[in-house]
Amino acid sequence: MKLFIVTLPLILAYCGNNIPFQEVAELKRPVGLQVAAAGSLTFTLTFYVQNQEEIFDGYNLIISRSTIPDGSNLSGSPLIIDGTLPTLKYGPDDFDVNNSKTVTIATFDGFRSFENGVTYFFRMAAHSRTGRVSELSNEVSAVAAP
């Protein structure tokens, strides 16, 4: 009987799904995204790395020729720059709400160039190393210019 009483707490301590708390946590929605036409059919994105979650590994960037509604982070295909997601690779150690990041984007979908005079819409979603994504950021738009 004593063996049962001693081992029961140990068994209960190791039961569960073995998923650390941070793995099931939701990622915060990015805010404050800005875009400007940079000339030569490129765009400059400005944003802050605001996510501190342990599972955070960057931001997916969604670009469209039409407005990107809320909740469409799974239906829009994120831009892939180097063959993998997230589009923009950052981690919790990059968190800094005082210093913005600036990235120049030169292709619409990783292959096709932006077209002169066309309005493009941009949104970001935080991405985790487990493949989870946050709600989409604010939407911004700009017209491509030569």
N, C-alpha and C. Protein backbone atom coordinates (compact mmCIF):
# COMPACT_ATOMS: atom_id res chain seq x y z
N MET A 1 0.81 -1.19 0.00
CA MET A 1 0.00 0.00 0.00
C MET A 1 0.86 1.26 0.00
N LYS A 2 1.97 1.25 0.77
CA LYS A 2 2.84 2.43 0.81
C LYS A 2 3.45 2.72 -0.55
N LEU A 3 3.79 1.69 -1.29
CA LEU A 3 4.36 1.88 -2.62
C LEU A 3 3.38 2.58 -3.53
N PHE A 4 2.11 2.22 -3.46
CA PHE A 4 1.07 2.86 -4.27
C PHE A 4 0.93 4.34 -3.93
N ILE A 5 0.96 4.68 -2.67
CA ILE A 5 0.80 6.08 -2.24
C ILE A 5 1.99 6.92 -2.69
N VAL A 6 3.17 6.36 -2.70
CA VAL A 6 4.36 7.09 -3.12
C VAL A 6 4.40 7.25 -4.64
N THR A 7 4.04 6.24 -5.38
CA THR A 7 4.14 6.30 -6.84
C THR A 7 2.99 7.04 -7.50
N LEU A 8 1.83 7.08 -6.87
CA LEU A 8 0.69 7.78 -7.47
C LEU A 8 0.99 9.25 -7.76
N PRO A 9 1.55 10.03 -6.82
CA PRO A 9 1.88 11.42 -7.16
C PRO A 9 2.89 11.54 -8.30
N LEU A 10 3.83 10.62 -8.38
CA LEU A 10 4.81 10.65 -9.47
C LEU A 10 4.14 10.36 -10.81
N ILE A 11 3.23 9.41 -10.83
CA ILE A 11 2.50 9.10 -12.06
C ILE A 11 1.67 10.30 -12.49
N LEU A 12 0.97 10.91 -11.57
CA LEU A 12 0.14 12.07 -11.90
C LEU A 12 0.97 13.25 -12.38
N ALA A 13 2.16 13.41 -11.83
CA ALA A 13 3.02 14.52 -12.23
C ALA A 13 3.47 14.39 -13.67
N TYR A 14 3.58 13.17 -14.18
CA TYR A 14 4.05 12.97 -15.54
C TYR A 14 2.93 12.73 -16.56
N CYS A 15 1.70 12.80 -16.12
CA CYS A 15 0.56 12.66 -17.04
C CYS A 15 0.33 14.00 -17.75
N GLY A 16 -0.35 13.95 -18.85
CA GLY A 16 -0.66 15.19 -19.57
C GLY A 16 -0.20 15.09 -21.01
N ASN A 17 -0.18 16.24 -21.66
CA ASN A 17 0.12 16.24 -23.09
C ASN A 17 1.58 16.57 -23.40
N ASN A 18 2.38 16.83 -22.38
CA ASN A 18 3.81 17.13 -22.56
C ASN A 18 4.07 18.32 -23.48
N ILE A 19 3.10 19.19 -23.67
CA ILE A 19 3.29 20.39 -24.47
C ILE A 19 3.53 21.55 -23.52
N PRO A 20 4.69 22.19 -23.61
CA PRO A 20 4.94 23.33 -22.73
C PRO A 20 3.88 24.41 -22.92
N PHE A 21 3.64 25.17 -21.86
CA PHE A 21 2.61 26.21 -21.90
C PHE A 21 2.78 27.13 -23.10
N GLN A 22 4.01 27.55 -23.41
CA GLN A 22 4.24 28.48 -24.51
C GLN A 22 3.84 27.89 -25.86
N GLU A 23 3.88 26.57 -26.00
CA GLU A 23 3.53 25.95 -27.27
C GLU A 23 2.04 26.11 -27.60
N VAL A 24 1.19 26.22 -26.59
CA VAL A 24 -0.24 26.33 -26.85
C VAL A 24 -0.70 27.78 -26.77
N ALA A 25 0.18 28.68 -26.41
CA ALA A 25 -0.18 30.09 -26.31
C ALA A 25 -0.43 30.68 -27.70
N GLU A 26 -1.34 31.62 -27.77
CA GLU A 26 -1.60 32.32 -29.03
C GLU A 26 -0.53 33.38 -29.26
N LEU A 27 -0.22 33.64 -30.49
CA LEU A 27 0.72 34.70 -30.84
C LEU A 27 -0.02 36.03 -30.91
N LYS A 28 0.62 37.08 -30.44
CA LYS A 28 0.02 38.40 -30.52
C LYS A 28 -0.02 38.89 -31.96
N ARG A 29 -1.08 39.61 -32.26
CA ARG A 29 -1.27 40.20 -33.59
C ARG A 29 -0.29 41.35 -33.78
N PRO A 30 0.46 41.40 -34.89
CA PRO A 30 1.34 42.54 -35.15
C PRO A 30 0.52 43.80 -35.42
N VAL A 31 1.01 44.93 -34.97
CA VAL A 31 0.36 46.22 -35.23
C VAL A 31 1.43 47.22 -35.68
N GLY A 32 0.99 48.29 -36.33
CA GLY A 32 1.91 49.36 -36.69
C GLY A 32 2.64 49.18 -38.00
N LEU A 33 2.19 48.28 -38.85
CA LEU A 33 2.84 48.08 -40.15
C LEU A 33 2.65 49.33 -41.01
N GLN A 34 3.73 49.73 -41.70
CA GLN A 34 3.68 50.85 -42.63
C GLN A 34 4.34 50.43 -43.94
N VAL A 35 3.90 51.05 -45.05
CA VAL A 35 4.49 50.73 -46.35
C VAL A 35 4.65 52.02 -47.15
N ALA A 36 5.68 52.05 -47.98
CA ALA A 36 5.89 53.19 -48.89
C ALA A 36 6.50 52.65 -50.17
N ALA A 37 6.08 53.23 -51.29
CA ALA A 37 6.71 52.89 -52.56
C ALA A 37 8.13 53.41 -52.52
N ALA A 38 9.09 52.56 -52.87
CA ALA A 38 10.50 52.93 -52.78
C ALA A 38 11.11 53.23 -54.13
N GLY A 39 10.29 53.22 -55.19
CA GLY A 39 10.82 53.41 -56.54
C GLY A 39 11.37 52.10 -57.07
N SER A 40 11.66 52.06 -58.36
CA SER A 40 12.16 50.85 -59.02
C SER A 40 11.24 49.66 -58.77
N LEU A 41 9.93 49.94 -58.66
CA LEU A 41 8.92 48.90 -58.43
C LEU A 41 9.21 48.06 -57.19
N THR A 42 9.62 48.73 -56.12
CA THR A 42 9.84 48.08 -54.84
C THR A 42 9.05 48.82 -53.76
N PHE A 43 8.87 48.16 -52.63
CA PHE A 43 8.19 48.76 -51.48
C PHE A 43 9.06 48.62 -50.25
N THR A 44 8.99 49.62 -49.39
CA THR A 44 9.69 49.57 -48.11
C THR A 44 8.65 49.37 -47.02
N LEU A 45 8.81 48.30 -46.24
CA LEU A 45 7.95 48.03 -45.10
C LEU A 45 8.67 48.44 -43.84
N THR A 46 7.94 49.07 -42.94
CA THR A 46 8.48 49.45 -41.65
C THR A 46 7.57 48.87 -40.58
N PHE A 47 8.16 48.25 -39.57
CA PHE A 47 7.40 47.61 -38.50
C PHE A 47 8.31 47.44 -37.29
N TYR A 48 7.71 47.05 -36.19
CA TYR A 48 8.45 46.76 -34.96
C TYR A 48 8.29 45.28 -34.64
N VAL A 49 9.35 44.65 -34.14
CA VAL A 49 9.24 43.28 -33.67
C VAL A 49 8.61 43.36 -32.28
N GLN A 50 7.34 42.97 -32.21
CA GLN A 50 6.56 43.12 -30.99
C GLN A 50 6.29 41.81 -30.28
N ASN A 51 6.61 40.71 -30.90
CA ASN A 51 6.29 39.41 -30.31
C ASN A 51 7.43 38.90 -29.45
N GLN A 52 7.07 38.46 -28.25
CA GLN A 52 8.05 37.93 -27.31
C GLN A 52 7.80 36.46 -26.99
N GLU A 53 6.78 35.86 -27.60
CA GLU A 53 6.45 34.48 -27.28
C GLU A 53 7.62 33.57 -27.61
N GLU A 54 7.82 32.58 -26.79
CA GLU A 54 8.95 31.66 -26.96
C GLU A 54 8.91 30.96 -28.31
N ILE A 55 7.71 30.69 -28.84
CA ILE A 55 7.57 29.96 -30.09
C ILE A 55 7.65 30.86 -31.33
N PHE A 56 7.66 32.18 -31.15
CA PHE A 56 7.70 33.14 -32.26
C PHE A 56 9.00 33.00 -33.04
N ASP A 57 8.88 32.92 -34.39
CA ASP A 57 10.09 32.86 -35.21
C ASP A 57 10.07 33.81 -36.40
N GLY A 58 9.10 34.72 -36.44
CA GLY A 58 9.11 35.72 -37.50
C GLY A 58 7.72 36.11 -37.94
N TYR A 59 7.68 36.82 -39.08
CA TYR A 59 6.41 37.32 -39.63
C TYR A 59 6.22 36.82 -41.04
N ASN A 60 5.00 36.37 -41.31
CA ASN A 60 4.61 36.06 -42.69
C ASN A 60 4.07 37.34 -43.29
N LEU A 61 4.43 37.61 -44.51
CA LEU A 61 3.95 38.79 -45.22
C LEU A 61 3.00 38.34 -46.32
N ILE A 62 1.81 38.91 -46.32
CA ILE A 62 0.81 38.60 -47.34
C ILE A 62 0.64 39.84 -48.20
N ILE A 63 0.76 39.67 -49.51
CA ILE A 63 0.65 40.77 -50.46
C ILE A 63 -0.47 40.42 -51.43
N SER A 64 -1.30 41.41 -51.75
CA SER A 64 -2.41 41.17 -52.66
C SER A 64 -2.68 42.41 -53.51
N ARG A 65 -3.35 42.20 -54.62
CA ARG A 65 -3.78 43.32 -55.45
C ARG A 65 -5.16 43.82 -55.04
N SER A 66 -5.76 43.16 -54.08
CA SER A 66 -7.05 43.61 -53.54
C SER A 66 -6.97 43.56 -52.01
N THR A 67 -7.91 44.22 -51.38
CA THR A 67 -7.88 44.29 -49.92
C THR A 67 -7.85 42.89 -49.31
N ILE A 68 -7.19 42.75 -48.18
CA ILE A 68 -7.02 41.47 -47.51
C ILE A 68 -7.88 41.51 -46.25
N PRO A 69 -9.02 40.85 -46.24
CA PRO A 69 -9.92 40.93 -45.09
C PRO A 69 -9.36 40.24 -43.85
N ASP A 70 -9.85 40.65 -42.67
CA ASP A 70 -9.50 39.97 -41.43
C ASP A 70 -9.84 38.49 -41.56
N GLY A 71 -9.06 37.67 -40.91
CA GLY A 71 -9.32 36.24 -40.93
C GLY A 71 -8.84 35.53 -42.17
N SER A 72 -8.17 36.23 -43.07
CA SER A 72 -7.74 35.57 -44.31
C SER A 72 -6.28 35.14 -44.24
N ASN A 73 -5.69 35.10 -43.03
CA ASN A 73 -4.29 34.73 -42.94
C ASN A 73 -4.03 33.29 -43.39
N LEU A 74 -5.05 32.44 -43.37
CA LEU A 74 -4.85 31.08 -43.84
C LEU A 74 -5.15 30.92 -45.32
N SER A 75 -5.96 31.82 -45.88
CA SER A 75 -6.30 31.70 -47.29
C SER A 75 -5.31 32.43 -48.18
N GLY A 76 -4.63 33.44 -47.66
CA GLY A 76 -3.62 34.14 -48.44
C GLY A 76 -2.30 33.41 -48.36
N SER A 77 -1.60 33.34 -49.48
CA SER A 77 -0.30 32.68 -49.48
C SER A 77 0.77 33.68 -49.07
N PRO A 78 1.50 33.39 -48.00
CA PRO A 78 2.56 34.31 -47.60
C PRO A 78 3.69 34.34 -48.62
N LEU A 79 4.33 35.49 -48.71
CA LEU A 79 5.50 35.64 -49.57
C LEU A 79 6.63 34.77 -49.02
N ILE A 80 7.27 34.02 -49.89
CA ILE A 80 8.41 33.19 -49.50
C ILE A 80 9.63 33.76 -50.21
N ILE A 81 10.61 34.18 -49.43
CA ILE A 81 11.80 34.82 -49.99
C ILE A 81 12.95 33.82 -50.16
N ASP A 82 13.23 33.06 -49.13
CA ASP A 82 14.39 32.16 -49.18
C ASP A 82 14.00 30.69 -49.18
N GLY A 83 12.77 30.39 -49.57
CA GLY A 83 12.34 29.01 -49.66
C GLY A 83 11.63 28.47 -48.44
N THR A 84 11.59 29.24 -47.36
CA THR A 84 10.94 28.77 -46.13
C THR A 84 10.11 29.88 -45.51
N LEU A 85 9.20 29.48 -44.64
CA LEU A 85 8.45 30.44 -43.84
C LEU A 85 9.06 30.48 -42.45
N PRO A 86 8.97 31.58 -41.77
CA PRO A 86 8.24 32.80 -42.09
C PRO A 86 8.98 33.64 -43.14
N THR A 87 8.25 34.59 -43.71
CA THR A 87 8.83 35.49 -44.71
C THR A 87 10.00 36.26 -44.12
N LEU A 88 9.77 36.87 -42.96
CA LEU A 88 10.78 37.69 -42.28
C LEU A 88 11.14 37.00 -40.98
N LYS A 89 12.37 36.55 -40.86
CA LYS A 89 12.78 35.74 -39.72
C LYS A 89 13.29 36.61 -38.56
N TYR A 90 12.59 36.48 -37.45
CA TYR A 90 12.96 37.13 -36.19
C TYR A 90 12.62 36.16 -35.08
N GLY A 91 13.06 36.47 -33.89
CA GLY A 91 12.73 35.65 -32.73
C GLY A 91 12.45 36.53 -31.54
N PRO A 92 12.09 35.93 -30.40
CA PRO A 92 11.79 36.73 -29.21
C PRO A 92 12.94 37.64 -28.79
N ASP A 93 14.18 37.24 -29.07
CA ASP A 93 15.33 38.07 -28.71
C ASP A 93 15.42 39.35 -29.52
N ASP A 94 14.69 39.42 -30.65
CA ASP A 94 14.68 40.62 -31.49
C ASP A 94 13.63 41.64 -31.05
N PHE A 95 12.85 41.30 -30.02
CA PHE A 95 11.80 42.19 -29.53
C PHE A 95 12.38 43.58 -29.26
N ASP A 96 11.76 44.60 -29.86
CA ASP A 96 12.18 45.98 -29.62
C ASP A 96 11.10 46.93 -30.15
N VAL A 97 10.34 47.49 -29.25
CA VAL A 97 9.27 48.41 -29.68
C VAL A 97 9.78 49.85 -29.80
N ASN A 98 11.06 50.05 -29.63
CA ASN A 98 11.64 51.39 -29.75
C ASN A 98 12.40 51.60 -31.05
N ASN A 99 12.78 50.52 -31.70
CA ASN A 99 13.56 50.62 -32.94
C ASN A 99 12.86 49.81 -34.02
N SER A 100 12.46 50.50 -35.06
CA SER A 100 11.74 49.84 -36.15
C SER A 100 12.69 49.08 -37.06
N LYS A 101 12.13 48.10 -37.74
CA LYS A 101 12.84 47.34 -38.77
C LYS A 101 12.34 47.85 -40.11
N THR A 102 13.21 47.90 -41.09
CA THR A 102 12.84 48.31 -42.44
C THR A 102 13.30 47.23 -43.41
N VAL A 103 12.38 46.80 -44.26
CA VAL A 103 12.67 45.74 -45.23
C VAL A 103 12.17 46.21 -46.59
N THR A 104 12.98 46.01 -47.62
CA THR A 104 12.56 46.34 -48.99
C THR A 104 12.12 45.06 -49.68
N ILE A 105 10.92 45.12 -50.27
CA ILE A 105 10.34 43.97 -50.96
C ILE A 105 10.34 44.27 -52.45
N ALA A 106 10.89 43.34 -53.24
CA ALA A 106 11.04 43.59 -54.68
C ALA A 106 10.16 42.69 -55.55
N THR A 107 9.50 41.69 -54.96
CA THR A 107 8.65 40.81 -55.77
C THR A 107 7.29 40.63 -55.11
N PHE A 108 6.31 40.43 -55.96
CA PHE A 108 4.94 40.27 -55.53
C PHE A 108 4.71 38.92 -54.85
N ASP A 109 5.29 37.88 -55.41
CA ASP A 109 5.05 36.54 -54.90
C ASP A 109 6.34 35.70 -54.81
N GLY A 110 7.47 36.36 -54.81
CA GLY A 110 8.74 35.65 -54.79
C GLY A 110 9.34 35.48 -56.17
N PHE A 111 8.51 35.68 -57.22
CA PHE A 111 8.97 35.51 -58.61
C PHE A 111 8.63 36.71 -59.48
N ARG A 112 7.36 37.15 -59.41
CA ARG A 112 6.90 38.23 -60.29
C ARG A 112 7.19 39.60 -59.68
N SER A 113 7.61 40.52 -60.53
CA SER A 113 7.86 41.90 -60.09
C SER A 113 6.54 42.63 -59.90
N PHE A 114 6.57 43.67 -59.11
CA PHE A 114 5.40 44.53 -58.96
C PHE A 114 5.17 45.26 -60.28
N GLU A 115 3.92 45.64 -60.55
CA GLU A 115 3.59 46.32 -61.80
C GLU A 115 3.36 47.80 -61.55
N ASN A 116 3.92 48.63 -62.40
CA ASN A 116 3.80 50.08 -62.29
C ASN A 116 2.33 50.51 -62.27
N GLY A 117 1.99 51.39 -61.33
CA GLY A 117 0.65 51.94 -61.23
C GLY A 117 -0.37 51.07 -60.53
N VAL A 118 0.00 49.87 -60.12
CA VAL A 118 -0.93 48.97 -59.44
C VAL A 118 -0.83 49.19 -57.93
N THR A 119 -2.00 49.21 -57.27
CA THR A 119 -2.04 49.32 -55.81
C THR A 119 -1.89 47.93 -55.22
N TYR A 120 -0.99 47.79 -54.27
CA TYR A 120 -0.76 46.53 -53.57
C TYR A 120 -1.12 46.71 -52.10
N PHE A 121 -1.68 45.65 -51.52
CA PHE A 121 -2.10 45.65 -50.13
C PHE A 121 -1.21 44.68 -49.35
N PHE A 122 -0.85 45.05 -48.14
CA PHE A 122 0.08 44.28 -47.32
C PHE A 122 -0.49 44.05 -45.93
N ARG A 123 -0.27 42.84 -45.42
CA ARG A 123 -0.57 42.52 -44.02
C ARG A 123 0.46 41.51 -43.55
N MET A 124 0.68 41.49 -42.24
CA MET A 124 1.62 40.52 -41.66
C MET A 124 0.89 39.69 -40.61
N ALA A 125 1.42 38.51 -40.37
CA ALA A 125 0.95 37.66 -39.27
C ALA A 125 2.19 37.10 -38.58
N ALA A 126 2.16 37.10 -37.25
CA ALA A 126 3.25 36.47 -36.52
C ALA A 126 3.20 34.97 -36.79
N HIS A 127 4.34 34.35 -36.87
CA HIS A 127 4.48 32.93 -37.21
C HIS A 127 5.26 32.24 -36.10
N SER A 128 4.89 31.00 -35.80
CA SER A 128 5.63 30.25 -34.79
C SER A 128 6.39 29.10 -35.43
N ARG A 129 7.36 28.60 -34.72
CA ARG A 129 8.15 27.48 -35.25
C ARG A 129 7.31 26.20 -35.33
N THR A 130 6.11 26.20 -34.73
CA THR A 130 5.21 25.06 -34.83
C THR A 130 4.18 25.25 -35.94
N GLY A 131 4.28 26.37 -36.69
CA GLY A 131 3.38 26.61 -37.80
C GLY A 131 2.13 27.40 -37.46
N ARG A 132 1.96 27.79 -36.20
CA ARG A 132 0.81 28.61 -35.82
C ARG A 132 1.02 30.03 -36.37
N VAL A 133 -0.10 30.71 -36.63
CA VAL A 133 -0.04 32.11 -37.06
C VAL A 133 -1.01 32.93 -36.22
N SER A 134 -0.70 34.20 -36.11
CA SER A 134 -1.55 35.12 -35.36
C SER A 134 -2.64 35.68 -36.26
N GLU A 135 -3.48 36.51 -35.68
CA GLU A 135 -4.40 37.30 -36.49
C GLU A 135 -3.55 38.25 -37.33
N LEU A 136 -4.13 38.75 -38.41
CA LEU A 136 -3.40 39.63 -39.30
C LEU A 136 -3.21 41.02 -38.71
N SER A 137 -2.14 41.66 -39.13
CA SER A 137 -1.84 43.04 -38.74
C SER A 137 -2.84 43.98 -39.42
N ASN A 138 -2.65 45.26 -39.14
CA ASN A 138 -3.38 46.27 -39.89
C ASN A 138 -3.01 46.13 -41.36
N GLU A 139 -3.92 46.57 -42.22
CA GLU A 139 -3.67 46.53 -43.66
C GLU A 139 -3.11 47.87 -44.11
N VAL A 140 -2.10 47.83 -44.96
CA VAL A 140 -1.54 49.04 -45.57
C VAL A 140 -1.48 48.83 -47.07
N SER A 141 -1.44 49.92 -47.81
CA SER A 141 -1.36 49.82 -49.26
C SER A 141 -0.53 50.94 -49.84
N ALA A 142 -0.02 50.69 -51.02
CA ALA A 142 0.76 51.70 -51.76
C ALA A 142 0.73 51.33 -53.23
N VAL A 143 1.00 52.34 -54.07
CA VAL A 143 1.01 52.16 -55.51
C VAL A 143 2.45 51.98 -55.97
N ALA A 144 2.70 50.94 -56.76
CA ALA A 144 4.03 50.69 -57.29
C ALA A 144 4.42 51.77 -58.28
N ALA A 145 5.66 52.23 -58.16
CA ALA A 145 6.16 53.29 -59.03
C ALA A 145 7.54 52.93 -59.53
N PRO A 146 7.86 53.37 -60.76
CA PRO A 146 9.18 53.05 -61.31
C PRO A 146 10.30 53.82 -60.61
